[in-house]
Amino acid sequence: MAGQEVRFTVGFTIPAENLEQFKAIAQAMIASTQSETGTLGYDWFYSSDGSRCRLIEAYVDSDAVLVHMTGYAVRELVPKLAAIAGITGFEVYGDPGTQAGTILAGLGAEIFDLQAGLSR
């Protein structure tokens, strides 16, 4: 449904020798994503030892998800990130739309449909 916020959670494991390279790619992804006006949040959280990371993303609607999924960060930088770190989980909350949903499924994302809730 257009107009419905969509959120992602992506989990990573990072070998110690790749941590600095991982963080540099993450910074490049943040810089690239800043120009996407439909991106509400794009936050990277690291465990205290730097061996794990959670990326929390939020988009205004499915159109914004498609812009991100076809943009530079996903097309060019996600493959570099995946080459140096393991993806431990990828969940999508809300309807990302048909085209973005196909891309997300190809990346291993599990999509959860909103059934009920409260957001402010």
PDB file of N, CA and C in Angstrom:
ATOM      1  N   MET A   1       0.844  -1.163   0.000  1.00  0.00           N
ATOM      2  CA  MET A   1       0.000   0.000   0.000  1.00  0.00           C
ATOM      3  C   MET A   1       0.896   1.235   0.000  1.00  0.00           C
ATOM      4  N   ALA A   2       0.716   2.120  -0.980  1.00  0.00           N
ATOM      5  CA  ALA A   2       1.493   3.363  -1.036  1.00  0.00           C
ATOM      6  C   ALA A   2       1.196   4.200   0.202  1.00  0.00           C
ATOM      7  N   GLY A   3       2.188   4.915   0.675  1.00  0.00           N
ATOM      8  CA  GLY A   3       2.003   5.765   1.848  1.00  0.00           C
ATOM      9  C   GLY A   3       2.316   5.064   3.151  1.00  0.00           C
ATOM     10  N   GLN A   4       2.563   3.778   3.112  1.00  0.00           N
ATOM     11  CA  GLN A   4       2.876   3.031   4.318  1.00  0.00           C
ATOM     12  C   GLN A   4       4.383   2.987   4.519  1.00  0.00           C
ATOM     13  N   GLU A   5       4.840   3.351   5.712  1.00  0.00           N
ATOM     14  CA  GLU A   5       6.268   3.300   6.027  1.00  0.00           C
ATOM     15  C   GLU A   5       6.778   1.864   5.944  1.00  0.00           C
ATOM     16  N   VAL A   6       8.008   1.718   5.471  1.00  0.00           N
ATOM     17  CA  VAL A   6       8.659   0.414   5.357  1.00  0.00           C
ATOM     18  C   VAL A   6       9.981   0.493   6.109  1.00  0.00           C
ATOM     19  N   ARG A   7      10.270  -0.548   6.890  1.00  0.00           N
ATOM     20  CA  ARG A   7      11.501  -0.583   7.678  1.00  0.00           C
ATOM     21  C   ARG A   7      12.277  -1.853   7.377  1.00  0.00           C
ATOM     22  N   PHE A   8      13.590  -1.767   7.516  1.00  0.00           N
ATOM     23  CA  PHE A   8      14.468  -2.921   7.339  1.00  0.00           C
ATOM     24  C   PHE A   8      15.323  -3.065   8.588  1.00  0.00           C
ATOM     25  N   THR A   9      15.708  -4.301   8.869  1.00  0.00           N
ATOM     26  CA  THR A   9      16.766  -4.604   9.826  1.00  0.00           C
ATOM     27  C   THR A   9      17.693  -5.601   9.144  1.00  0.00           C
ATOM     28  N   VAL A  10      18.985  -5.266   9.074  1.00  0.00           N
ATOM     29  CA  VAL A  10      19.976  -6.149   8.465  1.00  0.00           C
ATOM     30  C   VAL A  10      21.063  -6.405   9.503  1.00  0.00           C
ATOM     31  N   GLY A  11      21.379  -7.693   9.711  1.00  0.00           N
ATOM     32  CA  GLY A  11      22.423  -8.056  10.656  1.00  0.00           C
ATOM     33  C   GLY A  11      23.670  -8.522   9.923  1.00  0.00           C
ATOM     34  N   PHE A  12      24.832  -8.147  10.452  1.00  0.00           N
ATOM     35  CA  PHE A  12      26.122  -8.523   9.865  1.00  0.00           C
ATOM     36  C   PHE A  12      27.041  -9.089  10.930  1.00  0.00           C
ATOM     37  N   THR A  13      27.910 -10.008  10.524  1.00  0.00           N
ATOM     38  CA  THR A  13      29.069 -10.390  11.326  1.00  0.00           C
ATOM     39  C   THR A  13      30.291  -9.895  10.565  1.00  0.00           C
ATOM     40  N   ILE A  14      31.237  -9.343  11.297  1.00  0.00           N
ATOM     41  CA  ILE A  14      32.385  -8.686  10.669  1.00  0.00           C
ATOM     42  C   ILE A  14      33.681  -9.291  11.213  1.00  0.00           C
ATOM     43  N   PRO A  15      34.476  -9.918  10.356  1.00  0.00           N
ATOM     44  CA  PRO A  15      35.787 -10.384  10.817  1.00  0.00           C
ATOM     45  C   PRO A  15      36.628  -9.178  11.270  1.00  0.00           C
ATOM     46  N   ALA A  16      37.378  -9.343  12.342  1.00  0.00           N
ATOM     47  CA  ALA A  16      38.153  -8.237  12.920  1.00  0.00           C
ATOM     48  C   ALA A  16      39.036  -7.547  11.892  1.00  0.00           C
ATOM     49  N   GLU A  17      39.628  -8.335  10.987  1.00  0.00           N
ATOM     50  CA  GLU A  17      40.537  -7.740  10.001  1.00  0.00           C
ATOM     51  C   GLU A  17      39.804  -6.906   8.944  1.00  0.00           C
ATOM     52  N   ASN A  18      38.474  -7.001   8.904  1.00  0.00           N
ATOM     53  CA  ASN A  18      37.692  -6.247   7.909  1.00  0.00           C
ATOM     54  C   ASN A  18      36.905  -5.086   8.500  1.00  0.00           C
ATOM     55  N   LEU A  19      37.018  -4.880   9.805  1.00  0.00           N
ATOM     56  CA  LEU A  19      36.181  -3.881  10.474  1.00  0.00           C
ATOM     57  C   LEU A  19      36.356  -2.479   9.903  1.00  0.00           C
ATOM     58  N   GLU A  20      37.565  -2.017   9.740  1.00  0.00           N
ATOM     59  CA  GLU A  20      37.770  -0.653   9.236  1.00  0.00           C
ATOM     60  C   GLU A  20      37.267  -0.497   7.810  1.00  0.00           C
ATOM     61  N   GLN A  21      37.490  -1.509   6.981  1.00  0.00           N
ATOM     62  CA  GLN A  21      36.985  -1.473   5.605  1.00  0.00           C
ATOM     63  C   GLN A  21      35.447  -1.488   5.606  1.00  0.00           C
ATOM     64  N   PHE A  22      34.857  -2.302   6.480  1.00  0.00           N
ATOM     65  CA  PHE A  22      33.406  -2.362   6.611  1.00  0.00           C
ATOM     66  C   PHE A  22      32.852  -0.985   6.984  1.00  0.00           C
ATOM     67  N   LYS A  23      33.451  -0.353   7.983  1.00  0.00           N
ATOM     68  CA  LYS A  23      32.985   0.967   8.427  1.00  0.00           C
ATOM     69  C   LYS A  23      33.136   2.007   7.323  1.00  0.00           C
ATOM     70  N   ALA A  24      34.173   1.925   6.531  1.00  0.00           N
ATOM     71  CA  ALA A  24      34.366   2.871   5.425  1.00  0.00           C
ATOM     72  C   ALA A  24      33.275   2.697   4.362  1.00  0.00           C
ATOM     73  N   ILE A  25      32.936   1.456   4.067  1.00  0.00           N
ATOM     74  CA  ILE A  25      31.862   1.204   3.096  1.00  0.00           C
ATOM     75  C   ILE A  25      30.535   1.681   3.665  1.00  0.00           C
ATOM     76  N   ALA A  26      30.303   1.431   4.949  1.00  0.00           N
ATOM     77  CA  ALA A  26      29.069   1.903   5.593  1.00  0.00           C
ATOM     78  C   ALA A  26      28.961   3.423   5.491  1.00  0.00           C
ATOM     79  N   GLN A  27      30.057   4.130   5.724  1.00  0.00           N
ATOM     80  CA  GLN A  27      30.043   5.598   5.611  1.00  0.00           C
ATOM     81  C   GLN A  27      29.722   6.035   4.186  1.00  0.00           C
ATOM     82  N   ALA A  28      30.272   5.328   3.202  1.00  0.00           N
ATOM     83  CA  ALA A  28      29.969   5.644   1.800  1.00  0.00           C
ATOM     84  C   ALA A  28      28.497   5.385   1.495  1.00  0.00           C
ATOM     85  N   MET A  29      27.933   4.347   2.091  1.00  0.00           N
ATOM     86  CA  MET A  29      26.517   4.055   1.899  1.00  0.00           C
ATOM     87  C   MET A  29      25.649   5.140   2.530  1.00  0.00           C
ATOM     88  N   ILE A  30      26.038   5.625   3.694  1.00  0.00           N
ATOM     89  CA  ILE A  30      25.310   6.717   4.344  1.00  0.00           C
ATOM     90  C   ILE A  30      25.356   7.958   3.462  1.00  0.00           C
ATOM     91  N   ALA A  31      26.522   8.302   2.958  1.00  0.00           N
ATOM     92  CA  ALA A  31      26.669   9.487   2.103  1.00  0.00           C
ATOM     93  C   ALA A  31      25.801   9.371   0.862  1.00  0.00           C
ATOM     94  N   SER A  32      25.777   8.209   0.255  1.00  0.00           N
ATOM     95  CA  SER A  32      24.970   7.989  -0.947  1.00  0.00           C
ATOM     96  C   SER A  32      23.479   8.081  -0.638  1.00  0.00           C
ATOM     97  N   THR A  33      23.075   7.548   0.487  1.00  0.00           N
ATOM     98  CA  THR A  33      21.665   7.480   0.856  1.00  0.00           C
ATOM     99  C   THR A  33      21.122   8.839   1.303  1.00  0.00           C
ATOM    100  N   GLN A  34      21.987   9.757   1.728  1.00  0.00           N
ATOM    101  CA  GLN A  34      21.532  11.069   2.182  1.00  0.00           C
ATOM    102  C   GLN A  34      20.739  11.827   1.133  1.00  0.00           C
ATOM    103  N   SER A  35      21.017  11.591  -0.138  1.00  0.00           N
ATOM    104  CA  SER A  35      20.302  12.319  -1.192  1.00  0.00           C
ATOM    105  C   SER A  35      18.932  11.720  -1.501  1.00  0.00           C
ATOM    106  N   GLU A  36      18.605  10.587  -0.897  1.00  0.00           N
ATOM    107  CA  GLU A  36      17.311   9.934  -1.110  1.00  0.00           C
ATOM    108  C   GLU A  36      16.293  10.548  -0.153  1.00  0.00           C
ATOM    109  N   THR A  37      15.461  11.439  -0.658  1.00  0.00           N
ATOM    110  CA  THR A  37      14.547  12.194   0.208  1.00  0.00           C
ATOM    111  C   THR A  37      13.509  11.328   0.920  1.00  0.00           C
ATOM    112  N   GLY A  38      13.220  10.144   0.399  1.00  0.00           N
ATOM    113  CA  GLY A  38      12.249   9.261   1.033  1.00  0.00           C
ATOM    114  C   GLY A  38      12.829   8.371   2.114  1.00  0.00           C
ATOM    115  N   THR A  39      14.134   8.494   2.363  1.00  0.00           N
ATOM    116  CA  THR A  39      14.771   7.720   3.426  1.00  0.00           C
ATOM    117  C   THR A  39      14.604   8.469   4.738  1.00  0.00           C
ATOM    118  N   LEU A  40      13.921   7.845   5.689  1.00  0.00           N
ATOM    119  CA  LEU A  40      13.684   8.458   6.996  1.00  0.00           C
ATOM    120  C   LEU A  40      14.807   8.175   7.973  1.00  0.00           C
ATOM    121  N   GLY A  41      15.423   7.021   7.857  1.00  0.00           N
ATOM    122  CA  GLY A  41      16.500   6.640   8.762  1.00  0.00           C
ATOM    123  C   GLY A  41      17.394   5.606   8.122  1.00  0.00           C
ATOM    124  N   TYR A  42      18.689   5.680   8.438  1.00  0.00           N
ATOM    125  CA  TYR A  42      19.680   4.753   7.883  1.00  0.00           C
ATOM    126  C   TYR A  42      20.800   4.666   8.902  1.00  0.00           C
ATOM    127  N   ASP A  43      20.575   3.884   9.954  1.00  0.00           N
ATOM    128  CA  ASP A  43      21.421   3.906  11.143  1.00  0.00           C
ATOM    129  C   ASP A  43      22.170   2.587  11.331  1.00  0.00           C
ATOM    130  N   TRP A  44      23.465   2.700  11.592  1.00  0.00           N
ATOM    131  CA  TRP A  44      24.371   1.562  11.758  1.00  0.00           C
ATOM    132  C   TRP A  44      24.755   1.447  13.228  1.00  0.00           C
ATOM    133  N   PHE A  45      24.483   0.304  13.830  1.00  0.00           N
ATOM    134  CA  PHE A  45      24.780   0.042  15.236  1.00  0.00           C
ATOM    135  C   PHE A  45      25.806  -1.092  15.321  1.00  0.00           C
ATOM    136  N   TYR A  46      26.856  -0.897  16.132  1.00  0.00           N
ATOM    137  CA  TYR A  46      27.932  -1.890  16.265  1.00  0.00           C
ATOM    138  C   TYR A  46      27.969  -2.448  17.684  1.00  0.00           C
ATOM    139  N   SER A  47      28.287  -3.746  17.797  1.00  0.00           N
ATOM    140  CA  SER A  47      28.507  -4.344  19.107  1.00  0.00           C
ATOM    141  C   SER A  47      29.776  -3.732  19.703  1.00  0.00           C
ATOM    142  N   SER A  48      29.950  -3.895  21.009  1.00  0.00           N
ATOM    143  CA  SER A  48      31.093  -3.262  21.684  1.00  0.00           C
ATOM    144  C   SER A  48      32.433  -3.734  21.134  1.00  0.00           C
ATOM    145  N   ASP A  49      32.513  -4.957  20.649  1.00  0.00           N
ATOM    146  CA  ASP A  49      33.779  -5.452  20.095  1.00  0.00           C
ATOM    147  C   ASP A  49      33.883  -5.271  18.582  1.00  0.00           C
ATOM    148  N   GLY A  50      32.840  -4.724  17.956  1.00  0.00           N
ATOM    149  CA  GLY A  50      32.867  -4.471  16.519  1.00  0.00           C
ATOM    150  C   GLY A  50      32.681  -5.701  15.649  1.00  0.00           C
ATOM    151  N   SER A  51      32.337  -6.827  16.249  1.00  0.00           N
ATOM    152  CA  SER A  51      32.198  -8.056  15.462  1.00  0.00           C
ATOM    153  C   SER A  51      30.814  -8.229  14.844  1.00  0.00           C
ATOM    154  N   ARG A  52      29.863  -7.423  15.316  1.00  0.00           N
ATOM    155  CA  ARG A  52      28.500  -7.499  14.795  1.00  0.00           C
ATOM    156  C   ARG A  52      27.969  -6.098  14.540  1.00  0.00           C
ATOM    157  N   CYS A  53      27.072  -6.015  13.568  1.00  0.00           N
ATOM    158  CA  CYS A  53      26.480  -4.728  13.218  1.00  0.00           C
ATOM    159  C   CYS A  53      25.012  -4.946  12.874  1.00  0.00           C
ATOM    160  N   ARG A  54      24.201  -3.964  13.194  1.00  0.00           N
ATOM    161  CA  ARG A  54      22.805  -3.955  12.773  1.00  0.00           C
ATOM    162  C   ARG A  54      22.564  -2.649  12.018  1.00  0.00           C
ATOM    163  N   LEU A  55      22.018  -2.777  10.827  1.00  0.00           N
ATOM    164  CA  LEU A  55      21.606  -1.629  10.031  1.00  0.00           C
ATOM    165  C   LEU A  55      20.095  -1.529  10.138  1.00  0.00           C
ATOM    166  N   ILE A  56      19.609  -0.393  10.616  1.00  0.00           N
ATOM    167  CA  ILE A  56      18.179  -0.142  10.754  1.00  0.00           C
ATOM    168  C   ILE A  56      17.819   0.946   9.745  1.00  0.00           C
ATOM    169  N   GLU A  57      16.909   0.606   8.839  1.00  0.00           N
ATOM    170  CA  GLU A  57      16.520   1.520   7.769  1.00  0.00           C
ATOM    171  C   GLU A  57      15.021   1.804   7.856  1.00  0.00           C
ATOM    172  N   ALA A  58      14.626   3.000   7.461  1.00  0.00           N
ATOM    173  CA  ALA A  58      13.204   3.350   7.412  1.00  0.00           C
ATOM    174  C   ALA A  58      12.953   4.227   6.189  1.00  0.00           C
ATOM    175  N   TYR A  59      11.866   3.917   5.499  1.00  0.00           N
ATOM    176  CA  TYR A  59      11.507   4.618   4.264  1.00  0.00           C
ATOM    177  C   TYR A  59      10.069   5.094   4.353  1.00  0.00           C
ATOM    178  N   VAL A  60       9.803   6.238   3.763  1.00  0.00           N
ATOM    179  CA  VAL A  60       8.483   6.841   3.834  1.00  0.00           C
ATOM    180  C   VAL A  60       7.416   5.952   3.191  1.00  0.00           C
ATOM    181  N   ASP A  61       7.768   5.211   2.148  1.00  0.00           N
ATOM    182  CA  ASP A  61       6.812   4.322   1.472  1.00  0.00           C
ATOM    183  C   ASP A  61       7.541   3.410   0.495  1.00  0.00           C
ATOM    184  N   SER A  62       6.784   2.607  -0.235  1.00  0.00           N
ATOM    185  CA  SER A  62       7.376   1.648  -1.161  1.00  0.00           C
ATOM    186  C   SER A  62       8.110   2.328  -2.315  1.00  0.00           C
ATOM    187  N   ASP A  63       7.677   3.512  -2.725  1.00  0.00           N
ATOM    188  CA  ASP A  63       8.392   4.239  -3.782  1.00  0.00           C
ATOM    189  C   ASP A  63       9.812   4.588  -3.326  1.00  0.00           C
ATOM    190  N   ALA A  64       9.944   4.999  -2.074  1.00  0.00           N
ATOM    191  CA  ALA A  64      11.258   5.335  -1.521  1.00  0.00           C
ATOM    192  C   ALA A  64      12.141   4.089  -1.414  1.00  0.00           C
ATOM    193  N   VAL A  65      11.533   2.950  -1.101  1.00  0.00           N
ATOM    194  CA  VAL A  65      12.289   1.697  -1.043  1.00  0.00           C
ATOM    195  C   VAL A  65      12.859   1.382  -2.423  1.00  0.00           C
ATOM    196  N   LEU A  66      12.053   1.542  -3.459  1.00  0.00           N
ATOM    197  CA  LEU A  66      12.519   1.247  -4.814  1.00  0.00           C
ATOM    198  C   LEU A  66      13.661   2.179  -5.218  1.00  0.00           C
ATOM    199  N   VAL A  67      13.565   3.439  -4.874  1.00  0.00           N
ATOM    200  CA  VAL A  67      14.658   4.374  -5.160  1.00  0.00           C
ATOM    201  C   VAL A  67      15.945   3.877  -4.513  1.00  0.00           C
ATOM    202  N   HIS A  68      15.858   3.450  -3.258  1.00  0.00           N
ATOM    203  CA  HIS A  68      17.053   2.968  -2.564  1.00  0.00           C
ATOM    204  C   HIS A  68      17.571   1.670  -3.178  1.00  0.00           C
ATOM    205  N   MET A  69      16.680   0.736  -3.441  1.00  0.00           N
ATOM    206  CA  MET A  69      17.095  -0.577  -3.939  1.00  0.00           C
ATOM    207  C   MET A  69      17.710  -0.509  -5.336  1.00  0.00           C
ATOM    208  N   THR A  70      17.413   0.528  -6.088  1.00  0.00           N
ATOM    209  CA  THR A  70      17.984   0.678  -7.430  1.00  0.00           C
ATOM    210  C   THR A  70      19.083   1.737  -7.467  1.00  0.00           C
ATOM    211  N   GLY A  71      19.428   2.273  -6.311  1.00  0.00           N
ATOM    212  CA  GLY A  71      20.425   3.328  -6.225  1.00  0.00           C
ATOM    213  C   GLY A  71      21.842   2.811  -6.030  1.00  0.00           C
ATOM    214  N   TYR A  72      22.762   3.734  -5.969  1.00  0.00           N
ATOM    215  CA  TYR A  72      24.194   3.447  -5.876  1.00  0.00           C
ATOM    216  C   TYR A  72      24.554   2.583  -4.667  1.00  0.00           C
ATOM    217  N   ALA A  73      23.989   2.892  -3.503  1.00  0.00           N
ATOM    218  CA  ALA A  73      24.364   2.161  -2.288  1.00  0.00           C
ATOM    219  C   ALA A  73      24.120   0.666  -2.435  1.00  0.00           C
ATOM    220  N   VAL A  74      22.986   0.292  -3.000  1.00  0.00           N
ATOM    221  CA  VAL A  74      22.668  -1.129  -3.139  1.00  0.00           C
ATOM    222  C   VAL A  74      23.383  -1.736  -4.347  1.00  0.00           C
ATOM    223  N   ARG A  75      23.347  -1.055  -5.470  1.00  0.00           N
ATOM    224  CA  ARG A  75      23.945  -1.608  -6.700  1.00  0.00           C
ATOM    225  C   ARG A  75      25.456  -1.769  -6.592  1.00  0.00           C
ATOM    226  N   GLU A  76      26.148  -0.772  -6.048  1.00  0.00           N
ATOM    227  CA  GLU A  76      27.615  -0.752  -6.058  1.00  0.00           C
ATOM    228  C   GLU A  76      28.268  -1.120  -4.729  1.00  0.00           C
ATOM    229  N   LEU A  77      27.656  -0.714  -3.618  1.00  0.00           N
ATOM    230  CA  LEU A  77      28.325  -0.876  -2.331  1.00  0.00           C
ATOM    231  C   LEU A  77      27.918  -2.130  -1.560  1.00  0.00           C
ATOM    232  N   VAL A  78      26.673  -2.567  -1.697  1.00  0.00           N
ATOM    233  CA  VAL A  78      26.260  -3.790  -0.998  1.00  0.00           C
ATOM    234  C   VAL A  78      27.121  -4.989  -1.405  1.00  0.00           C
ATOM    235  N   PRO A  79      27.427  -5.183  -2.691  1.00  0.00           N
ATOM    236  CA  PRO A  79      28.300  -6.314  -3.033  1.00  0.00           C
ATOM    237  C   PRO A  79      29.680  -6.234  -2.362  1.00  0.00           C
ATOM    238  N   LYS A  80      30.218  -5.035  -2.216  1.00  0.00           N
ATOM    239  CA  LYS A  80      31.514  -4.872  -1.538  1.00  0.00           C
ATOM    240  C   LYS A  80      31.402  -5.229  -0.057  1.00  0.00           C
ATOM    241  N   LEU A  81      30.296  -4.822   0.552  1.00  0.00           N
ATOM    242  CA  LEU A  81      30.063  -5.130   1.962  1.00  0.00           C
ATOM    243  C   LEU A  81      29.897  -6.641   2.158  1.00  0.00           C
ATOM    244  N   ALA A  82      29.121  -7.260   1.281  1.00  0.00           N
ATOM    245  CA  ALA A  82      28.869  -8.701   1.389  1.00  0.00           C
ATOM    246  C   ALA A  82      30.141  -9.525   1.171  1.00  0.00           C
ATOM    247  N   ALA A  83      31.102  -8.966   0.453  1.00  0.00           N
ATOM    248  CA  ALA A  83      32.353  -9.676   0.197  1.00  0.00           C
ATOM    249  C   ALA A  83      33.257  -9.739   1.427  1.00  0.00           C
ATOM    250  N   ILE A  84      33.040  -8.852   2.391  1.00  0.00           N
ATOM    251  CA  ILE A  84      33.929  -8.806   3.564  1.00  0.00           C
ATOM    252  C   ILE A  84      33.233  -9.106   4.885  1.00  0.00           C
ATOM    253  N   ALA A  85      31.904  -9.278   4.851  1.00  0.00           N
ATOM    254  CA  ALA A  85      31.152  -9.536   6.082  1.00  0.00           C
ATOM    255  C   ALA A  85      30.019 -10.511   5.781  1.00  0.00           C
ATOM    256  N   GLY A  86      29.573 -11.209   6.798  1.00  0.00           N
ATOM    257  CA  GLY A  86      28.458 -12.125   6.635  1.00  0.00           C
ATOM    258  C   GLY A  86      27.146 -11.441   6.974  1.00  0.00           C
ATOM    259  N   ILE A  87      26.109 -11.757   6.243  1.00  0.00           N
ATOM    260  CA  ILE A  87      24.772 -11.254   6.561  1.00  0.00           C
ATOM    261  C   ILE A  87      24.086 -12.328   7.393  1.00  0.00           C
ATOM    262  N   THR A  88      23.710 -11.967   8.612  1.00  0.00           N
ATOM    263  CA  THR A  88      23.121 -12.934   9.540  1.00  0.00           C
ATOM    264  C   THR A  88      21.609 -12.882   9.567  1.00  0.00           C
ATOM    265  N   GLY A  89      21.038 -11.859   9.000  1.00  0.00           N
ATOM    266  CA  GLY A  89      19.592 -11.732   8.960  1.00  0.00           C
ATOM    267  C   GLY A  89      19.203 -10.492   8.189  1.00  0.00           C
ATOM    268  N   PHE A  90      18.068 -10.562   7.501  1.00  0.00           N
ATOM    269  CA  PHE A  90      17.591  -9.423   6.722  1.00  0.00           C
ATOM    270  C   PHE A  90      16.074  -9.484   6.746  1.00  0.00           C
ATOM    271  N   GLU A  91      15.469  -8.565   7.475  1.00  0.00           N
ATOM    272  CA  GLU A  91      14.022  -8.533   7.602  1.00  0.00           C
ATOM    273  C   GLU A  91      13.481  -7.202   7.120  1.00  0.00           C
ATOM    274  N   VAL A  92      12.354  -7.272   6.431  1.00  0.00           N
ATOM    275  CA  VAL A  92      11.668  -6.095   5.919  1.00  0.00           C
ATOM    276  C   VAL A  92      10.282  -6.061   6.567  1.00  0.00           C
ATOM    277  N   TYR A  93       9.915  -4.904   7.095  1.00  0.00           N
ATOM    278  CA  TYR A  93       8.635  -4.742   7.778  1.00  0.00           C
ATOM    279  C   TYR A  93       7.785  -3.760   6.988  1.00  0.00           C
ATOM    280  N   GLY A  94       6.680  -4.254   6.424  1.00  0.00           N
ATOM    281  CA  GLY A  94       5.804  -3.437   5.597  1.00  0.00           C
ATOM    282  C   GLY A  94       5.923  -3.853   4.144  1.00  0.00           C
ATOM    283  N   ASP A  95       5.106  -3.250   3.308  1.00  0.00           N
ATOM    284  CA  ASP A  95       5.041  -3.607   1.886  1.00  0.00           C
ATOM    285  C   ASP A  95       6.041  -2.786   1.081  1.00  0.00           C
ATOM    286  N   PRO A  96       7.122  -3.432   0.573  1.00  0.00           N
ATOM    287  CA  PRO A  96       8.117  -2.689  -0.202  1.00  0.00           C
ATOM    288  C   PRO A  96       7.714  -2.483  -1.665  1.00  0.00           C
ATOM    289  N   GLY A  97       6.573  -3.027  -2.072  1.00  0.00           N
ATOM    290  CA  GLY A  97       6.158  -2.949  -3.468  1.00  0.00           C
ATOM    291  C   GLY A  97       6.677  -4.146  -4.244  1.00  0.00           C
ATOM    292  N   THR A  98       6.090  -4.395  -5.392  1.00  0.00           N
ATOM    293  CA  THR A  98       6.416  -5.593  -6.170  1.00  0.00           C
ATOM    294  C   THR A  98       7.861  -5.603  -6.653  1.00  0.00           C
ATOM    295  N   GLN A  99       8.287  -4.537  -7.302  1.00  0.00           N
ATOM    296  CA  GLN A  99       9.634  -4.518  -7.893  1.00  0.00           C
ATOM    297  C   GLN A  99      10.714  -4.557  -6.815  1.00  0.00           C
ATOM    298  N   ALA A 100      10.603  -3.706  -5.815  1.00  0.00           N
ATOM    299  CA  ALA A 100      11.594  -3.717  -4.726  1.00  0.00           C
ATOM    300  C   ALA A 100      11.522  -5.027  -3.953  1.00  0.00           C
ATOM    301  N   GLY A 101      10.317  -5.587  -3.794  1.00  0.00           N
ATOM    302  CA  GLY A 101      10.164  -6.864  -3.104  1.00  0.00           C
ATOM    303  C   GLY A 101      10.917  -7.982  -3.804  1.00  0.00           C
ATOM    304  N   THR A 102      10.912  -7.966  -5.122  1.00  0.00           N
ATOM    305  CA  THR A 102      11.653  -8.967  -5.895  1.00  0.00           C
ATOM    306  C   THR A 102      13.155  -8.813  -5.667  1.00  0.00           C
ATOM    307  N   ILE A 103      13.634  -7.577  -5.682  1.00  0.00           N
ATOM    308  CA  ILE A 103      15.062  -7.319  -5.430  1.00  0.00           C
ATOM    309  C   ILE A 103      15.428  -7.772  -4.021  1.00  0.00           C
ATOM    310  N   LEU A 104      14.602  -7.405  -3.048  1.00  0.00           N
ATOM    311  CA  LEU A 104      14.870  -7.766  -1.654  1.00  0.00           C
ATOM    312  C   LEU A 104      14.885  -9.276  -1.455  1.00  0.00           C
ATOM    313  N   ALA A 105      13.937  -9.969  -2.060  1.00  0.00           N
ATOM    314  CA  ALA A 105      13.897 -11.428  -1.947  1.00  0.00           C
ATOM    315  C   ALA A 105      15.161 -12.039  -2.535  1.00  0.00           C
ATOM    316  N   GLY A 106      15.657 -11.472  -3.625  1.00  0.00           N
ATOM    317  CA  GLY A 106      16.897 -11.946  -4.233  1.00  0.00           C
ATOM    318  C   GLY A 106      18.109 -11.749  -3.343  1.00  0.00           C
ATOM    319  N   LEU A 107      18.021 -10.798  -2.431  1.00  0.00           N
ATOM    320  CA  LEU A 107      19.103 -10.551  -1.473  1.00  0.00           C
ATOM    321  C   LEU A 107      18.917 -11.363  -0.187  1.00  0.00           C
ATOM    322  N   GLY A 108      17.859 -12.169  -0.134  1.00  0.00           N
ATOM    323  CA  GLY A 108      17.628 -13.019   1.026  1.00  0.00           C
ATOM    324  C   GLY A 108      16.752 -12.419   2.103  1.00  0.00           C
ATOM    325  N   ALA A 109      16.076 -11.316   1.824  1.00  0.00           N
ATOM    326  CA  ALA A 109      15.236 -10.674   2.833  1.00  0.00           C
ATOM    327  C   ALA A 109      13.950 -11.453   3.062  1.00  0.00           C
ATOM    328  N   GLU A 110      13.522 -11.489   4.309  1.00  0.00           N
ATOM    329  CA  GLU A 110      12.209 -12.013   4.658  1.00  0.00           C
ATOM    330  C   GLU A 110      11.293 -10.814   4.871  1.00  0.00           C
ATOM    331  N   ILE A 111      10.147 -10.815   4.206  1.00  0.00           N
ATOM    332  CA  ILE A 111       9.240  -9.677   4.257  1.00  0.00           C
ATOM    333  C   ILE A 111       8.071  -9.999   5.170  1.00  0.00           C
ATOM    334  N   PHE A 112       7.832  -9.105   6.137  1.00  0.00           N
ATOM    335  CA  PHE A 112       6.728  -9.237   7.082  1.00  0.00           C
ATOM    336  C   PHE A 112       5.678  -8.188   6.751  1.00  0.00           C
ATOM    337  N   ASP A 113       4.434  -8.635   6.548  1.00  0.00           N
ATOM    338  CA  ASP A 113       3.331  -7.719   6.240  1.00  0.00           C
ATOM    339  C   ASP A 113       2.752  -7.148   7.535  1.00  0.00           C
ATOM    340  N   LEU A 114       2.445  -5.873   7.506  1.00  0.00           N
ATOM    341  CA  LEU A 114       1.815  -5.226   8.645  1.00  0.00           C
ATOM    342  C   LEU A 114       0.365  -5.687   8.738  1.00  0.00           C
ATOM    343  N   GLN A 115      -0.022  -6.167   9.893  1.00  0.00           N
ATOM    344  CA  GLN A 115      -1.394  -6.609  10.117  1.00  0.00           C
ATOM    345  C   GLN A 115      -2.137  -5.674  11.075  1.00  0.00           C
ATOM    346  N   ALA A 116      -1.411  -5.141  12.042  1.00  0.00           N
ATOM    347  CA  ALA A 116      -2.020  -4.255  13.035  1.00  0.00           C
ATOM    348  C   ALA A 116      -0.898  -3.529  13.750  1.00  0.00           C
ATOM    349  N   GLY A 117      -1.204  -2.369  14.289  1.00  0.00           N
ATOM    350  CA  GLY A 117      -0.188  -1.668  15.051  1.00  0.00           C
ATOM    351  C   GLY A 117      -0.521  -0.215  15.294  1.00  0.00           C
ATOM    352  N   LEU A 118       0.442   0.488  15.855  1.00  0.00           N
ATOM    353  CA  LEU A 118       0.314   1.904  16.141  1.00  0.00           C
ATOM    354  C   LEU A 118       1.657   2.565  15.880  1.00  0.00           C
ATOM    355  N   SER A 119       1.671   3.541  15.008  1.00  0.00           N
ATOM    356  CA  SER A 119       2.881   4.323  14.755  1.00  0.00           C
ATOM    357  C   SER A 119       2.550   5.797  14.874  1.00  0.00           C
ATOM    358  N   ARG A 120       3.458   6.572  15.409  1.00  0.00           N
ATOM    359  CA  ARG A 120       3.252   8.025  15.518  1.00  0.00           C
ATOM    360  C   ARG A 120       4.432   8.734  14.927  1.00  0.00           C
TER     361      ARG A 120
END
